[in-house]
C-alpha atoms as a PDB file:
ATOM      1  CA  MET A   1       0.216  -0.369   5.580  1.00  0.00           C
ATOM      2  CA  LEU A   2       3.479  -2.239   5.203  1.00  0.00           C
ATOM      3  CA  ARG A   3       6.622  -0.798   3.631  1.00  0.00           C
ATOM      4  CA  LEU A   4       7.940  -3.416   1.191  1.00  0.00           C
ATOM      5  CA  LYS A   5      11.311  -3.439  -0.528  1.00  0.00           C
ATOM      6  CA  ILE A   6      12.178  -6.266  -2.907  1.00  0.00           C
ATOM      7  CA  VAL A   7      15.751  -6.373  -4.185  1.00  0.00           C
ATOM      8  CA  SER A   8      17.573  -8.737  -6.509  1.00  0.00           C
ATOM      9  CA  PRO A   9      21.308  -8.766  -7.287  1.00  0.00           C
ATOM     10  CA  GLU A  10      20.549  -6.709 -10.405  1.00  0.00           C
ATOM     11  CA  LYS A  11      18.117  -4.047  -9.180  1.00  0.00           C
ATOM     12  CA  VAL A  12      15.420  -2.873  -6.792  1.00  0.00           C
ATOM     13  CA  VAL A  13      12.336  -4.727  -8.045  1.00  0.00           C
ATOM     14  CA  PHE A  14       9.766  -2.926  -5.858  1.00  0.00           C
ATOM     15  CA  ASN A  15       9.835  -0.264  -3.160  1.00  0.00           C
ATOM     16  CA  GLY A  16       6.525   0.996  -1.797  1.00  0.00           C
ATOM     17  CA  GLU A  17       3.503   0.548   0.431  1.00  0.00           C
ATOM     18  CA  VAL A  18       1.488  -2.663   0.390  1.00  0.00           C
ATOM     19  CA  GLU A  19      -1.409  -4.187   2.303  1.00  0.00           C
ATOM     20  CA  SER A  20       0.069  -7.702   2.510  1.00  0.00           C
ATOM     21  CA  VAL A  21       2.911  -9.892   1.266  1.00  0.00           C
ATOM     22  CA  THR A  22       2.918 -13.661   0.713  1.00  0.00           C
ATOM     23  CA  VAL A  23       6.277 -15.435   0.437  1.00  0.00           C
ATOM     24  CA  PRO A  24       7.416 -19.033  -0.237  1.00  0.00           C
ATOM     25  CA  GLY A  25       9.137 -19.793   3.078  1.00  0.00           C
ATOM     26  CA  THR A  26      11.310 -22.856   3.573  1.00  0.00           C
ATOM     27  CA  SER A  27       8.655 -24.413   5.829  1.00  0.00           C
ATOM     28  CA  GLY A  28       5.802 -23.348   3.553  1.00  0.00           C
ATOM     29  CA  GLU A  29       4.107 -20.272   2.180  1.00  0.00           C
ATOM     30  CA  PHE A  30       3.156 -17.577   4.691  1.00  0.00           C
ATOM     31  CA  GLU A  31       1.486 -14.177   4.644  1.00  0.00           C
ATOM     32  CA  ILE A  32       2.772 -11.001   6.249  1.00  0.00           C
ATOM     33  CA  LEU A  33       0.210  -8.441   7.414  1.00  0.00           C
ATOM     34  CA  VAL A  34       0.430  -5.163   9.346  1.00  0.00           C
ATOM     35  CA  ASP A  35       1.940  -5.615  12.835  1.00  0.00           C
ATOM     36  CA  HIS A  36       3.433  -9.029  11.973  1.00  0.00           C
ATOM     37  CA  ALA A  37       5.892 -10.335  14.560  1.00  0.00           C
ATOM     38  CA  PRO A  38       9.575  -9.767  13.733  1.00  0.00           C
ATOM     39  CA  ILE A  39      10.936 -12.638  11.645  1.00  0.00           C
ATOM     40  CA  ILE A  40      13.796 -13.624   9.370  1.00  0.00           C
ATOM     41  CA  SER A  41      13.180 -16.548   7.013  1.00  0.00           C
ATOM     42  CA  SER A  42      14.841 -18.145   4.024  1.00  0.00           C
ATOM     43  CA  LEU A  43      12.781 -18.462   0.842  1.00  0.00           C
ATOM     44  CA  GLU A  44      12.489 -21.302  -1.642  1.00  0.00           C
ATOM     45  CA  ILE A  45      11.497 -21.419  -5.286  1.00  0.00           C
ATOM     46  CA  GLY A  46       8.005 -19.984  -5.622  1.00  0.00           C
ATOM     47  CA  THR A  47       6.154 -16.712  -5.957  1.00  0.00           C
ATOM     48  CA  VAL A  48       6.241 -13.540  -3.895  1.00  0.00           C
ATOM     49  CA  THR A  49       2.787 -11.966  -4.067  1.00  0.00           C
ATOM     50  CA  TYR A  50       1.972  -8.502  -2.757  1.00  0.00           C
ATOM     51  CA  VAL A  51      -1.193  -6.419  -2.672  1.00  0.00           C
ATOM     52  CA  THR A  52      -1.022  -2.697  -3.407  1.00  0.00           C
ATOM     53  CA  LYS A  53      -3.820  -0.155  -3.810  1.00  0.00           C
ATOM     54  CA  GLU A  54      -3.612  -0.849  -7.569  1.00  0.00           C
ATOM     55  CA  GLY A  55      -4.061  -4.615  -7.164  1.00  0.00           C
ATOM     56  CA  ARG A  56      -2.262  -7.904  -6.662  1.00  0.00           C
ATOM     57  CA  LEU A  57       1.231  -8.331  -8.150  1.00  0.00           C
ATOM     58  CA  SER A  58       3.349 -11.485  -8.355  1.00  0.00           C
ATOM     59  CA  LEU A  59       7.054 -12.123  -8.779  1.00  0.00           C
ATOM     60  CA  PRO A  60       8.467 -15.619  -9.440  1.00  0.00           C
ATOM     61  CA  VAL A  61      11.624 -16.211  -7.380  1.00  0.00           C
ATOM     62  CA  ARG A  62      14.330 -18.882  -7.148  1.00  0.00           C
ATOM     63  CA  GLY A  63      15.070 -18.347  -3.467  1.00  0.00           C
ATOM     64  CA  GLY A  64      16.282 -15.682  -1.073  1.00  0.00           C
ATOM     65  CA  PHE A  65      15.302 -14.406   2.333  1.00  0.00           C
ATOM     66  CA  VAL A  66      12.788 -12.086   4.005  1.00  0.00           C
ATOM     67  CA  SER A  67      13.011  -9.981   7.147  1.00  0.00           C
ATOM     68  CA  VAL A  68      10.116  -8.270   8.904  1.00  0.00           C
ATOM     69  CA  GLN A  69      10.401  -5.654  11.633  1.00  0.00           C
ATOM     70  CA  LYS A  70       8.087  -2.804  12.638  1.00  0.00           C
ATOM     71  CA  ASN A  71       5.942  -3.031   9.462  1.00  0.00           C
ATOM     72  CA  GLU A  72       9.013  -2.961   7.219  1.00  0.00           C
ATOM     73  CA  VAL A  73       9.417  -5.991   4.971  1.00  0.00           C
ATOM     74  CA  ASN A  74      12.726  -6.503   3.166  1.00  0.00           C
ATOM     75  CA  VAL A  75      12.932  -9.278   0.592  1.00  0.00           C
ATOM     76  CA  CYS A  76      16.197 -10.217  -1.096  1.00  0.00           C
ATOM     77  CA  VAL A  77      15.584 -12.641  -3.948  1.00  0.00           C
ATOM     78  CA  GLU A  78      17.087 -14.292  -6.961  1.00  0.00           C
ATOM     79  CA  VAL A  79      14.683 -13.829  -9.883  1.00  0.00           C
END
């Protein structure tokens, strides 16, 4: 499992375990799975989608950035 934390300037939007995360990267949408290589990327307008045990959830965003390291995904976005 991945540990995902999504924060906006106003609040923590999500903090928990997920199976995967899809983000709207500057060079195109990409998916983050368990054991993904470390990465830092800027995000464009689009949708952050993440899969939990309860199902698939989506969050429209206006940009931000994502960092991945050791199965921890941190997403800072403007919603």
